Amino acid sequence: LKPQGGVNFIRTFKKQVEDQAVNLPPNLDELVQNATYVQSPDNLV
């Protein structure tokens, strides 16, 4: 992934107790500032 900070940055990630694919974090508004995307063309959608 080549992040800034290398392996030390990777080590800052902590595995959550709950499955985040199912349970959204309570502070979601603080974590996500931009969730917009451009609609794809009809032939793809």
PDB file of all heavy atoms in Angstrom:
ATOM      1  N   LEU A   1       0.797  -1.225   0.000  1.00  0.00           N
ATOM      2  CA  LEU A   1       0.000   0.000   0.000  1.00  0.00           C
ATOM      3  C   LEU A   1       0.829   1.276   0.000  1.00  0.00           C
ATOM      4  O   LEU A   1       0.332   2.346  -0.362  1.00  0.00           O
ATOM      5  CB  LEU A   1      -0.943  -0.003   1.219  1.00  0.00           C
ATOM      6  CG  LEU A   1      -1.941  -1.175   1.277  1.00  0.00           C
ATOM      7  CD1 LEU A   1      -2.723  -1.135   2.582  1.00  0.00           C
ATOM      8  CD2 LEU A   1      -2.894  -1.125   0.092  1.00  0.00           C
ATOM      9  N   LYS A   2       2.104   1.179   0.444  1.00  0.00           N
ATOM     10  CA  LYS A   2       3.046   2.293   0.431  1.00  0.00           C
ATOM     11  C   LYS A   2       2.478   3.562   1.103  1.00  0.00           C
ATOM     12  O   LYS A   2       2.493   4.658   0.524  1.00  0.00           O
ATOM     13  CB  LYS A   2       3.480   2.627  -0.996  1.00  0.00           C
ATOM     14  CG  LYS A   2       4.211   1.482  -1.699  1.00  0.00           C
ATOM     15  CD  LYS A   2       4.614   1.870  -3.115  1.00  0.00           C
ATOM     16  CE  LYS A   2       5.475   0.814  -3.765  1.00  0.00           C
ATOM     17  NZ  LYS A   2       4.833  -0.512  -3.859  1.00  0.00           N
ATOM     18  N   PRO A   3       1.989   3.480   2.353  1.00  0.00           N
ATOM     19  CA  PRO A   3       1.453   4.674   3.011  1.00  0.00           C
ATOM     20  C   PRO A   3       2.574   5.568   3.542  1.00  0.00           C
ATOM     21  O   PRO A   3       3.710   5.119   3.716  1.00  0.00           O
ATOM     22  CB  PRO A   3       0.654   4.080   4.180  1.00  0.00           C
ATOM     23  CG  PRO A   3       1.424   2.842   4.529  1.00  0.00           C
ATOM     24  CD  PRO A   3       1.932   2.291   3.223  1.00  0.00           C
ATOM     25  N   GLN A   4       2.245   6.842   3.807  1.00  0.00           N
ATOM     26  CA  GLN A   4       3.195   7.702   4.511  1.00  0.00           C
ATOM     27  C   GLN A   4       3.400   7.128   5.917  1.00  0.00           C
ATOM     28  O   GLN A   4       2.457   6.790   6.607  1.00  0.00           O
ATOM     29  CB  GLN A   4       2.654   9.132   4.618  1.00  0.00           C
ATOM     30  CG  GLN A   4       2.507   9.846   3.287  1.00  0.00           C
ATOM     31  CD  GLN A   4       1.976  11.265   3.453  1.00  0.00           C
ATOM     32  OE1 GLN A   4       1.968  11.805   4.563  1.00  0.00           O
ATOM     33  NE2 GLN A   4       1.555  11.869   2.360  1.00  0.00           N
ATOM     34  N   GLY A   5       4.644   7.003   6.318  1.00  0.00           N
ATOM     35  CA  GLY A   5       4.943   6.421   7.613  1.00  0.00           C
ATOM     36  C   GLY A   5       5.211   4.935   7.547  1.00  0.00           C
ATOM     37  O   GLY A   5       5.587   4.324   8.563  1.00  0.00           O
ATOM     38  N   GLY A   6       4.980   4.326   6.381  1.00  0.00           N
ATOM     39  CA  GLY A   6       5.339   2.931   6.186  1.00  0.00           C
ATOM     40  C   GLY A   6       4.681   1.977   7.172  1.00  0.00           C
ATOM     41  O   GLY A   6       3.497   2.118   7.519  1.00  0.00           O
ATOM     42  N   VAL A   7       5.471   1.014   7.652  1.00  0.00           N
ATOM     43  CA  VAL A   7       4.932  -0.027   8.524  1.00  0.00           C
ATOM     44  C   VAL A   7       4.442   0.547   9.851  1.00  0.00           C
ATOM     45  O   VAL A   7       3.506   0.008  10.465  1.00  0.00           O
ATOM     46  CB  VAL A   7       5.981  -1.132   8.746  1.00  0.00           C
ATOM     47  CG1 VAL A   7       7.115  -0.635   9.630  1.00  0.00           C
ATOM     48  CG2 VAL A   7       5.349  -2.386   9.345  1.00  0.00           C
ATOM     49  N   ASN A   8       5.050   1.679  10.301  1.00  0.00           N
ATOM     50  CA  ASN A   8       4.591   2.284  11.554  1.00  0.00           C
ATOM     51  C   ASN A   8       3.155   2.798  11.432  1.00  0.00           C
ATOM     52  O   ASN A   8       2.373   2.727  12.390  1.00  0.00           O
ATOM     53  CB  ASN A   8       5.527   3.422  11.967  1.00  0.00           C
ATOM     54  CG  ASN A   8       6.881   2.909  12.415  1.00  0.00           C
ATOM     55  OD1 ASN A   8       6.990   1.816  12.976  1.00  0.00           O
ATOM     56  ND2 ASN A   8       7.931   3.683  12.164  1.00  0.00           N
ATOM     57  N   PHE A   9       2.821   3.311  10.247  1.00  0.00           N
ATOM     58  CA  PHE A   9       1.432   3.751  10.026  1.00  0.00           C
ATOM     59  C   PHE A   9       0.479   2.548   9.997  1.00  0.00           C
ATOM     60  O   PHE A   9      -0.626   2.604  10.561  1.00  0.00           O
ATOM     61  CB  PHE A   9       1.328   4.537   8.716  1.00  0.00           C
ATOM     62  CG  PHE A   9      -0.070   4.980   8.395  1.00  0.00           C
ATOM     63  CD1 PHE A   9      -0.670   6.011   9.101  1.00  0.00           C
ATOM     64  CD2 PHE A   9      -0.802   4.352   7.391  1.00  0.00           C
ATOM     65  CE1 PHE A   9      -1.963   6.421   8.809  1.00  0.00           C
ATOM     66  CE2 PHE A   9      -2.091   4.748   7.099  1.00  0.00           C
ATOM     67  CZ  PHE A   9      -2.678   5.792   7.808  1.00  0.00           C
ATOM     68  N   ILE A  10       0.890   1.470   9.371  1.00  0.00           N
ATOM     69  CA  ILE A  10       0.068   0.256   9.323  1.00  0.00           C
ATOM     70  C   ILE A  10      -0.219  -0.241  10.731  1.00  0.00           C
ATOM     71  O   ILE A  10      -1.329  -0.700  11.044  1.00  0.00           O
ATOM     72  CB  ILE A  10       0.762  -0.838   8.498  1.00  0.00           C
ATOM     73  CG1 ILE A  10       0.889  -0.410   7.019  1.00  0.00           C
ATOM     74  CG2 ILE A  10       0.032  -2.166   8.598  1.00  0.00           C
ATOM     75  CD1 ILE A  10      -0.428  -0.247   6.296  1.00  0.00           C
ATOM     76  N   ARG A  11       0.754  -0.105  11.634  1.00  0.00           N
ATOM     77  CA  ARG A  11       0.592  -0.583  13.013  1.00  0.00           C
ATOM     78  C   ARG A  11      -0.398   0.253  13.833  1.00  0.00           C
ATOM     79  O   ARG A  11      -0.797  -0.158  14.919  1.00  0.00           O
ATOM     80  CB  ARG A  11       1.947  -0.600  13.709  1.00  0.00           C
ATOM     81  CG  ARG A  11       2.848  -1.725  13.189  1.00  0.00           C
ATOM     82  CD  ARG A  11       4.254  -1.622  13.718  1.00  0.00           C
ATOM     83  NE  ARG A  11       5.073  -2.741  13.235  1.00  0.00           N
ATOM     84  CZ  ARG A  11       6.405  -2.747  13.203  1.00  0.00           C
ATOM     85  NH1 ARG A  11       7.084  -1.681  13.637  1.00  0.00           N
ATOM     86  NH2 ARG A  11       7.057  -3.799  12.747  1.00  0.00           N
ATOM     87  N   THR A  12      -0.790   1.425  13.295  1.00  0.00           N
ATOM     88  CA  THR A  12      -1.774   2.234  14.018  1.00  0.00           C
ATOM     89  C   THR A  12      -3.191   1.705  13.848  1.00  0.00           C
ATOM     90  O   THR A  12      -4.102   2.120  14.566  1.00  0.00           O
ATOM     91  CB  THR A  12      -1.736   3.704  13.543  1.00  0.00           C
ATOM     92  OG1 THR A  12      -2.151   3.780  12.160  1.00  0.00           O
ATOM     93  CG2 THR A  12      -0.351   4.297  13.695  1.00  0.00           C
ATOM     94  N   PHE A  13      -3.389   0.782  12.894  1.00  0.00           N
ATOM     95  CA  PHE A  13      -4.716   0.206  12.670  1.00  0.00           C
ATOM     96  C   PHE A  13      -4.981  -0.856  13.736  1.00  0.00           C
ATOM     97  O   PHE A  13      -4.148  -1.735  13.981  1.00  0.00           O
ATOM     98  CB  PHE A  13      -4.799  -0.430  11.279  1.00  0.00           C
ATOM     99  CG  PHE A  13      -4.872   0.576  10.154  1.00  0.00           C
ATOM    100  CD1 PHE A  13      -3.739   1.280   9.764  1.00  0.00           C
ATOM    101  CD2 PHE A  13      -6.066   0.812   9.492  1.00  0.00           C
ATOM    102  CE1 PHE A  13      -3.795   2.204   8.739  1.00  0.00           C
ATOM    103  CE2 PHE A  13      -6.130   1.739   8.464  1.00  0.00           C
ATOM    104  CZ  PHE A  13      -4.994   2.440   8.089  1.00  0.00           C
ATOM    105  N   LYS A  14      -6.151  -0.794  14.355  1.00  0.00           N
ATOM    106  CA  LYS A  14      -6.525  -1.757  15.392  1.00  0.00           C
ATOM    107  C   LYS A  14      -7.796  -2.496  14.964  1.00  0.00           C
ATOM    108  O   LYS A  14      -8.770  -1.873  14.533  1.00  0.00           O
ATOM    109  CB  LYS A  14      -6.773  -1.055  16.736  1.00  0.00           C
ATOM    110  CG  LYS A  14      -5.574  -0.230  17.230  1.00  0.00           C
ATOM    111  CD  LYS A  14      -4.335  -1.109  17.453  1.00  0.00           C
ATOM    112  CE  LYS A  14      -3.160  -0.274  17.936  1.00  0.00           C
ATOM    113  NZ  LYS A  14      -1.911  -1.081  18.071  1.00  0.00           N
ATOM    114  N   LYS A  15      -7.761  -3.792  15.102  1.00  0.00           N
ATOM    115  CA  LYS A  15      -8.920  -4.608  14.732  1.00  0.00           C
ATOM    116  C   LYS A  15     -10.060  -4.360  15.717  1.00  0.00           C
ATOM    117  O   LYS A  15      -9.872  -4.399  16.933  1.00  0.00           O
ATOM    118  CB  LYS A  15      -8.551  -6.089  14.719  1.00  0.00           C
ATOM    119  CG  LYS A  15      -9.656  -6.995  14.151  1.00  0.00           C
ATOM    120  CD  LYS A  15      -9.164  -8.414  13.986  1.00  0.00           C
ATOM    121  CE  LYS A  15     -10.241  -9.324  13.422  1.00  0.00           C
ATOM    122  NZ  LYS A  15     -10.737  -8.886  12.110  1.00  0.00           N
ATOM    123  N   GLN A  16     -11.241  -4.081  15.163  1.00  0.00           N
ATOM    124  CA  GLN A  16     -12.405  -3.797  15.986  1.00  0.00           C
ATOM    125  C   GLN A  16     -13.021  -5.083  16.543  1.00  0.00           C
ATOM    126  O   GLN A  16     -12.905  -6.152  15.935  1.00  0.00           O
ATOM    127  CB  GLN A  16     -13.457  -3.039  15.169  1.00  0.00           C
ATOM    128  CG  GLN A  16     -12.953  -1.736  14.565  1.00  0.00           C
ATOM    129  CD  GLN A  16     -12.515  -0.743  15.628  1.00  0.00           C
ATOM    130  OE1 GLN A  16     -13.193  -0.566  16.633  1.00  0.00           O
ATOM    131  NE2 GLN A  16     -11.367  -0.098  15.413  1.00  0.00           N
ATOM    132  N   VAL A  17     -13.659  -4.962  17.670  1.00  0.00           N
ATOM    133  CA  VAL A  17     -14.322  -6.120  18.276  1.00  0.00           C
ATOM    134  C   VAL A  17     -15.524  -6.538  17.436  1.00  0.00           C
ATOM    135  O   VAL A  17     -15.766  -7.727  17.209  1.00  0.00           O
ATOM    136  CB  VAL A  17     -14.778  -5.783  19.715  1.00  0.00           C
ATOM    137  CG1 VAL A  17     -15.567  -6.946  20.314  1.00  0.00           C
ATOM    138  CG2 VAL A  17     -13.573  -5.442  20.587  1.00  0.00           C
ATOM    139  N   GLU A  18     -16.284  -5.552  16.937  1.00  0.00           N
ATOM    140  CA  GLU A  18     -17.458  -5.844  16.124  1.00  0.00           C
ATOM    141  C   GLU A  18     -17.079  -5.862  14.650  1.00  0.00           C
ATOM    142  O   GLU A  18     -16.107  -5.239  14.221  1.00  0.00           O
ATOM    143  CB  GLU A  18     -18.542  -4.783  16.360  1.00  0.00           C
ATOM    144  CG  GLU A  18     -19.128  -4.804  17.766  1.00  0.00           C
ATOM    145  CD  GLU A  18     -20.256  -3.795  17.901  1.00  0.00           C
ATOM    146  OE1 GLU A  18     -20.160  -2.715  17.276  1.00  0.00           O
ATOM    147  OE2 GLU A  18     -21.213  -4.095  18.619  1.00  0.00           O
ATOM    148  N   ASP A  19     -17.871  -6.589  13.865  1.00  0.00           N
ATOM    149  CA  ASP A  19     -17.676  -6.649  12.420  1.00  0.00           C
ATOM    150  C   ASP A  19     -18.161  -5.339  11.807  1.00  0.00           C
ATOM    151  O   ASP A  19     -19.353  -5.044  11.821  1.00  0.00           O
ATOM    152  CB  ASP A  19     -18.456  -7.831  11.838  1.00  0.00           C
ATOM    153  CG  ASP A  19     -18.191  -8.039  10.361  1.00  0.00           C
ATOM    154  OD1 ASP A  19     -17.595  -7.142   9.723  1.00  0.00           O
ATOM    155  OD2 ASP A  19     -18.599  -9.084   9.825  1.00  0.00           O
ATOM    156  N   GLN A  20     -17.235  -4.526  11.267  1.00  0.00           N
ATOM    157  CA  GLN A  20     -17.603  -3.217  10.746  1.00  0.00           C
ATOM    158  C   GLN A  20     -18.363  -3.289   9.429  1.00  0.00           C
ATOM    159  O   GLN A  20     -18.935  -2.294   8.981  1.00  0.00           O
ATOM    160  CB  GLN A  20     -16.347  -2.351  10.585  1.00  0.00           C
ATOM    161  CG  GLN A  20     -15.650  -2.061  11.900  1.00  0.00           C
ATOM    162  CD  GLN A  20     -16.580  -1.454  12.929  1.00  0.00           C
ATOM    163  OE1 GLN A  20     -17.165  -0.412  12.707  1.00  0.00           O
ATOM    164  NE2 GLN A  20     -16.741  -2.120  14.063  1.00  0.00           N
ATOM    165  N   ALA A  21     -18.388  -4.486   8.796  1.00  0.00           N
ATOM    166  CA  ALA A  21     -19.201  -4.644   7.588  1.00  0.00           C
ATOM    167  C   ALA A  21     -20.681  -4.697   7.945  1.00  0.00           C
ATOM    168  O   ALA A  21     -21.543  -4.497   7.096  1.00  0.00           O
ATOM    169  CB  ALA A  21     -18.788  -5.908   6.839  1.00  0.00           C
ATOM    170  N   VAL A  22     -20.972  -4.984   9.217  1.00  0.00           N
ATOM    171  CA  VAL A  22     -22.352  -5.099   9.680  1.00  0.00           C
ATOM    172  C   VAL A  22     -22.716  -3.960  10.619  1.00  0.00           C
ATOM    173  O   VAL A  22     -23.786  -3.360  10.521  1.00  0.00           O
ATOM    174  CB  VAL A  22     -22.578  -6.456  10.384  1.00  0.00           C
ATOM    175  CG1 VAL A  22     -24.003  -6.552  10.908  1.00  0.00           C
ATOM    176  CG2 VAL A  22     -22.264  -7.609   9.437  1.00  0.00           C
ATOM    177  N   ASN A  23     -21.820  -3.643  11.556  1.00  0.00           N
ATOM    178  CA  ASN A  23     -22.095  -2.640  12.585  1.00  0.00           C
ATOM    179  C   ASN A  23     -21.330  -1.353  12.291  1.00  0.00           C
ATOM    180  O   ASN A  23     -20.106  -1.320  12.358  1.00  0.00           O
ATOM    181  CB  ASN A  23     -21.678  -3.172  13.960  1.00  0.00           C
ATOM    182  CG  ASN A  23     -22.398  -4.460  14.301  1.00  0.00           C
ATOM    183  OD1 ASN A  23     -23.600  -4.466  14.493  1.00  0.00           O
ATOM    184  ND2 ASN A  23     -21.651  -5.560  14.351  1.00  0.00           N
ATOM    185  N   LEU A  24     -22.052  -0.300  11.952  1.00  0.00           N
ATOM    186  CA  LEU A  24     -21.412   0.981  11.671  1.00  0.00           C
ATOM    187  C   LEU A  24     -20.888   1.597  12.960  1.00  0.00           C
ATOM    188  O   LEU A  24     -21.523   1.493  14.010  1.00  0.00           O
ATOM    189  CB  LEU A  24     -22.412   1.930  11.011  1.00  0.00           C
ATOM    190  CG  LEU A  24     -22.943   1.500   9.636  1.00  0.00           C
ATOM    191  CD1 LEU A  24     -23.976   2.501   9.146  1.00  0.00           C
ATOM    192  CD2 LEU A  24     -21.805   1.383   8.635  1.00  0.00           C
ATOM    193  N   PRO A  25     -19.735   2.254  12.899  1.00  0.00           N
ATOM    194  CA  PRO A  25     -19.186   2.879  14.112  1.00  0.00           C
ATOM    195  C   PRO A  25     -20.067   4.034  14.574  1.00  0.00           C
ATOM    196  O   PRO A  25     -20.651   4.751  13.751  1.00  0.00           O
ATOM    197  CB  PRO A  25     -17.804   3.374  13.661  1.00  0.00           C
ATOM    198  CG  PRO A  25     -17.908   3.493  12.179  1.00  0.00           C
ATOM    199  CD  PRO A  25     -18.846   2.418  11.732  1.00  0.00           C
ATOM    200  N   PRO A  26     -20.173   4.260  15.887  1.00  0.00           N
ATOM    201  CA  PRO A  26     -21.036   5.346  16.408  1.00  0.00           C
ATOM    202  C   PRO A  26     -20.549   6.731  16.008  1.00  0.00           C
ATOM    203  O   PRO A  26     -21.344   7.674  15.958  1.00  0.00           O
ATOM    204  CB  PRO A  26     -20.975   5.141  17.924  1.00  0.00           C
ATOM    205  CG  PRO A  26     -19.704   4.365  18.171  1.00  0.00           C
ATOM    206  CD  PRO A  26     -19.529   3.488  16.975  1.00  0.00           C
ATOM    207  N   ASN A  27     -19.255   6.873  15.721  1.00  0.00           N
ATOM    208  CA  ASN A  27     -18.709   8.192  15.352  1.00  0.00           C
ATOM    209  C   ASN A  27     -18.490   8.296  13.838  1.00  0.00           C
ATOM    210  O   ASN A  27     -17.527   8.910  13.371  1.00  0.00           O
ATOM    211  CB  ASN A  27     -17.394   8.446  16.086  1.00  0.00           C
ATOM    212  CG  ASN A  27     -16.327   7.412  15.736  1.00  0.00           C
ATOM    213  OD1 ASN A  27     -16.652   6.275  15.362  1.00  0.00           O
ATOM    214  ND2 ASN A  27     -15.062   7.797  15.866  1.00  0.00           N
ATOM    215  N   LEU A  28     -19.380   7.709  13.071  1.00  0.00           N
ATOM    216  CA  LEU A  28     -19.225   7.673  11.610  1.00  0.00           C
ATOM    217  C   LEU A  28     -19.122   9.076  11.015  1.00  0.00           C
ATOM    218  O   LEU A  28     -18.339   9.309  10.089  1.00  0.00           O
ATOM    219  CB  LEU A  28     -20.409   6.919  10.989  1.00  0.00           C
ATOM    220  CG  LEU A  28     -20.354   6.712   9.471  1.00  0.00           C
ATOM    221  CD1 LEU A  28     -19.141   5.873   9.085  1.00  0.00           C
ATOM    222  CD2 LEU A  28     -21.628   6.060   8.971  1.00  0.00           C
ATOM    223  N   ASP A  29     -19.898  10.020  11.549  1.00  0.00           N
ATOM    224  CA  ASP A  29     -19.868  11.390  11.022  1.00  0.00           C
ATOM    225  C   ASP A  29     -18.487  12.024  11.172  1.00  0.00           C
ATOM    226  O   ASP A  29     -18.083  12.871  10.362  1.00  0.00           O
ATOM    227  CB  ASP A  29     -20.913  12.256  11.729  1.00  0.00           C
ATOM    228  CG  ASP A  29     -22.335  11.869  11.338  1.00  0.00           C
ATOM    229  OD1 ASP A  29     -22.478  11.225  10.288  1.00  0.00           O
ATOM    230  OD2 ASP A  29     -23.275  12.204  12.078  1.00  0.00           O
ATOM    231  N   GLU A  30     -17.748  11.660  12.215  1.00  0.00           N
ATOM    232  CA  GLU A  30     -16.416  12.203  12.423  1.00  0.00           C
ATOM    233  C   GLU A  30     -15.398  11.548  11.489  1.00  0.00           C
ATOM    234  O   GLU A  30     -14.429  12.183  11.070  1.00  0.00           O
ATOM    235  CB  GLU A  30     -15.986  11.973  13.878  1.00  0.00           C
ATOM    236  CG  GLU A  30     -16.888  12.631  14.910  1.00  0.00           C
ATOM    237  CD  GLU A  30     -16.507  12.235  16.326  1.00  0.00           C
ATOM    238  OE1 GLU A  30     -15.402  11.674  16.490  1.00  0.00           O
ATOM    239  OE2 GLU A  30     -17.312  12.477  17.249  1.00  0.00           O
ATOM    240  N   LEU A  31     -15.631  10.275  11.149  1.00  0.00           N
ATOM    241  CA  LEU A  31     -14.666   9.527  10.336  1.00  0.00           C
ATOM    242  C   LEU A  31     -14.775   9.849   8.850  1.00  0.00           C
ATOM    243  O   LEU A  31     -13.777   9.879   8.135  1.00  0.00           O
ATOM    244  CB  LEU A  31     -14.875   8.018  10.546  1.00  0.00           C
ATOM    245  CG  LEU A  31     -14.689   7.489  11.973  1.00  0.00           C
ATOM    246  CD1 LEU A  31     -15.025   6.023  12.042  1.00  0.00           C
ATOM    247  CD2 LEU A  31     -13.248   7.720  12.440  1.00  0.00           C
ATOM    248  N   VAL A  32     -15.985  10.084   8.379  1.00  0.00           N
ATOM    249  CA  VAL A  32     -16.218  10.275   6.947  1.00  0.00           C
ATOM    250  C   VAL A  32     -16.634  11.720   6.688  1.00  0.00           C
ATOM    251  O   VAL A  32     -17.632  12.194   7.230  1.00  0.00           O
ATOM    252  CB  VAL A  32     -17.317   9.312   6.438  1.00  0.00           C
ATOM    253  CG1 VAL A  32     -17.564   9.544   4.949  1.00  0.00           C
ATOM    254  CG2 VAL A  32     -16.917   7.857   6.690  1.00  0.00           C
ATOM    255  N   GLN A  33     -15.833  12.426   5.870  1.00  0.00           N
ATOM    256  CA  GLN A  33     -16.153  13.821   5.533  1.00  0.00           C
ATOM    257  C   GLN A  33     -16.699  13.969   4.116  1.00  0.00           C
ATOM    258  O   GLN A  33     -17.366  14.942   3.794  1.00  0.00           O
ATOM    259  CB  GLN A  33     -14.903  14.702   5.674  1.00  0.00           C
ATOM    260  CG  GLN A  33     -14.520  15.023   7.111  1.00  0.00           C
ATOM    261  CD  GLN A  33     -13.762  13.898   7.774  1.00  0.00           C
ATOM    262  OE1 GLN A  33     -12.866  13.306   7.167  1.00  0.00           O
ATOM    263  NE2 GLN A  33     -14.111  13.588   9.003  1.00  0.00           N
ATOM    264  N   ASN A  34     -16.427  13.001   3.252  1.00  0.00           N
ATOM    265  CA  ASN A  34     -16.853  13.127   1.849  1.00  0.00           C
ATOM    266  C   ASN A  34     -17.203  11.748   1.309  1.00  0.00           C
ATOM    267  O   ASN A  34     -16.339  10.908   1.100  1.00  0.00           O
ATOM    268  CB  ASN A  34     -15.725  13.753   1.016  1.00  0.00           C
ATOM    269  CG  ASN A  34     -16.156  13.991  -0.426  1.00  0.00           C
ATOM    270  OD1 ASN A  34     -17.293  13.720  -0.791  1.00  0.00           O
ATOM    271  ND2 ASN A  34     -15.243  14.508  -1.238  1.00  0.00           N
ATOM    272  N   ALA A  35     -18.497  11.525   1.096  1.00  0.00           N
ATOM    273  CA  ALA A  35     -18.950  10.228   0.591  1.00  0.00           C
ATOM    274  C   ALA A  35     -19.682  10.379  -0.734  1.00  0.00           C
ATOM    275  O   ALA A  35     -20.568   9.606  -1.064  1.00  0.00           O
ATOM    276  CB  ALA A  35     -19.859   9.548   1.610  1.00  0.00           C
ATOM    277  N   THR A  36     -19.316  11.405  -1.503  1.00  0.00           N
ATOM    278  CA  THR A  36     -19.974  11.627  -2.796  1.00  0.00           C
ATOM    279  C   THR A  36     -19.269  10.835  -3.887  1.00  0.00           C
ATOM    280  O   THR A  36     -18.097  10.465  -3.757  1.00  0.00           O
ATOM    281  CB  THR A  36     -19.967  13.112  -3.175  1.00  0.00           C
ATOM    282  OG1 THR A  36     -18.601  13.542  -3.300  1.00  0.00           O
ATOM    283  CG2 THR A  36     -20.668  13.943  -2.112  1.00  0.00           C
ATOM    284  N   TYR A  37     -20.003  10.579  -4.955  1.00  0.00           N
ATOM    285  CA  TYR A  37     -19.414   9.900  -6.116  1.00  0.00           C
ATOM    286  C   TYR A  37     -20.175  10.326  -7.358  1.00  0.00           C
ATOM    287  O   TYR A  37     -21.299  10.829  -7.291  1.00  0.00           O
ATOM    288  CB  TYR A  37     -19.474   8.380  -5.959  1.00  0.00           C
ATOM    289  CG  TYR A  37     -20.874   7.831  -5.733  1.00  0.00           C
ATOM    290  CD1 TYR A  37     -21.703   7.523  -6.808  1.00  0.00           C
ATOM    291  CD2 TYR A  37     -21.357   7.640  -4.449  1.00  0.00           C
ATOM    292  CE1 TYR A  37     -22.981   7.039  -6.603  1.00  0.00           C
ATOM    293  CE2 TYR A  37     -22.639   7.145  -4.235  1.00  0.00           C
ATOM    294  CZ  TYR A  37     -23.446   6.842  -5.322  1.00  0.00           C
ATOM    295  OH  TYR A  37     -24.704   6.366  -5.117  1.00  0.00           O
ATOM    296  N   VAL A  38     -19.552  10.154  -8.505  1.00  0.00           N
ATOM    297  CA  VAL A  38     -20.167  10.531  -9.779  1.00  0.00           C
ATOM    298  C   VAL A  38     -20.946   9.331 -10.318  1.00  0.00           C
ATOM    299  O   VAL A  38     -20.431   8.216 -10.350  1.00  0.00           O
ATOM    300  CB  VAL A  38     -19.084  10.961 -10.787  1.00  0.00           C
ATOM    301  CG1 VAL A  38     -19.727  11.283 -12.136  1.00  0.00           C
ATOM    302  CG2 VAL A  38     -18.319  12.170 -10.249  1.00  0.00           C
ATOM    303  N   GLN A  39     -22.200   9.563 -10.706  1.00  0.00           N
ATOM    304  CA  GLN A  39     -23.025   8.484 -11.251  1.00  0.00           C
ATOM    305  C   GLN A  39     -22.421   7.964 -12.550  1.00  0.00           C
ATOM    306  O   GLN A  39     -22.058   8.731 -13.438  1.00  0.00           O
ATOM    307  CB  GLN A  39     -24.442   8.997 -11.511  1.00  0.00           C
ATOM    308  CG  GLN A  39     -25.404   7.984 -12.105  1.00  0.00           C
ATOM    309  CD  GLN A  39     -25.924   6.989 -11.082  1.00  0.00           C
ATOM    310  OE1 GLN A  39     -25.598   7.096  -9.907  1.00  0.00           O
ATOM    311  NE2 GLN A  39     -26.700   6.034 -11.523  1.00  0.00           N
ATOM    312  N   SER A  40     -22.311   6.654 -12.671  1.00  0.00           N
ATOM    313  CA  SER A  40     -21.762   6.022 -13.879  1.00  0.00           C
ATOM    314  C   SER A  40     -22.775   6.083 -15.019  1.00  0.00           C
ATOM    315  O   SER A  40     -23.979   6.233 -14.778  1.00  0.00           O
ATOM    316  CB  SER A  40     -21.401   4.559 -13.581  1.00  0.00           C
ATOM    317  OG  SER A  40     -20.458   4.476 -12.531  1.00  0.00           O
ATOM    318  N   PRO A  41     -22.327   5.934 -16.257  1.00  0.00           N
ATOM    319  CA  PRO A  41     -23.256   5.967 -17.399  1.00  0.00           C
ATOM    320  C   PRO A  41     -24.211   4.778 -17.382  1.00  0.00           C
ATOM    321  O   PRO A  41     -23.920   3.730 -16.807  1.00  0.00           O
ATOM    322  CB  PRO A  41     -22.320   5.932 -18.613  1.00  0.00           C
ATOM    323  CG  PRO A  41     -21.045   5.355 -18.112  1.00  0.00           C
ATOM    324  CD  PRO A  41     -20.929   5.790 -16.685  1.00  0.00           C
ATOM    325  N   ASP A  42     -25.363   4.955 -18.045  1.00  0.00           N
ATOM    326  CA  ASP A  42     -26.410   3.941 -18.031  1.00  0.00           C
ATOM    327  C   ASP A  42     -25.935   2.571 -18.500  1.00  0.00           C
ATOM    328  O   ASP A  42     -26.339   1.543 -17.968  1.00  0.00           O
ATOM    329  CB  ASP A  42     -27.595   4.381 -18.897  1.00  0.00           C
ATOM    330  CG  ASP A  42     -28.434   5.451 -18.217  1.00  0.00           C
ATOM    331  OD1 ASP A  42     -28.195   5.710 -17.016  1.00  0.00           O
ATOM    332  OD2 ASP A  42     -29.317   6.027 -18.871  1.00  0.00           O
ATOM    333  N   ASN A  43     -25.064   2.557 -19.515  1.00  0.00           N
ATOM    334  CA  ASN A  43     -24.635   1.262 -20.063  1.00  0.00           C
ATOM    335  C   ASN A  43     -23.818   0.461 -19.052  1.00  0.00           C
ATOM    336  O   ASN A  43     -23.700  -0.763 -19.170  1.00  0.00           O
ATOM    337  CB  ASN A  43     -23.845   1.451 -21.359  1.00  0.00           C
ATOM    338  CG  ASN A  43     -22.532   2.178 -21.141  1.00  0.00           C
ATOM    339  OD1 ASN A  43     -22.437   3.092 -20.321  1.00  0.00           O
ATOM    340  ND2 ASN A  43     -21.519   1.784 -21.878  1.00  0.00           N
ATOM    341  N   LEU A  44     -23.281   1.129 -18.026  1.00  0.00           N
ATOM    342  CA  LEU A  44     -22.580   0.432 -16.948  1.00  0.00           C
ATOM    343  C   LEU A  44     -23.515   0.172 -15.766  1.00  0.00           C
ATOM    344  O   LEU A  44     -23.529  -0.917 -15.200  1.00  0.00           O
ATOM    345  CB  LEU A  44     -21.372   1.248 -16.489  1.00  0.00           C
ATOM    346  CG  LEU A  44     -20.268   1.457 -17.527  1.00  0.00           C
ATOM    347  CD1 LEU A  44     -19.149   2.303 -16.930  1.00  0.00           C
ATOM    348  CD2 LEU A  44     -19.704   0.118 -18.011  1.00  0.00           C
ATOM    349  N   VAL A  45     -24.314   1.182 -15.404  1.00  0.00           N
ATOM    350  CA  VAL A  45     -25.212   1.062 -14.250  1.00  0.00           C
ATOM    351  C   VAL A  45     -26.195  -0.091 -14.434  1.00  0.00           C
ATOM    352  O   VAL A  45     -26.410  -0.907 -13.532  1.00  0.00           O
ATOM    353  CB  VAL A  45     -25.987   2.379 -14.030  1.00  0.00           C
ATOM    354  CG1 VAL A  45     -27.109   2.180 -13.013  1.00  0.00           C
ATOM    355  CG2 VAL A  45     -25.040   3.468 -13.567  1.00  0.00           C
TER     356      VAL A  45
END
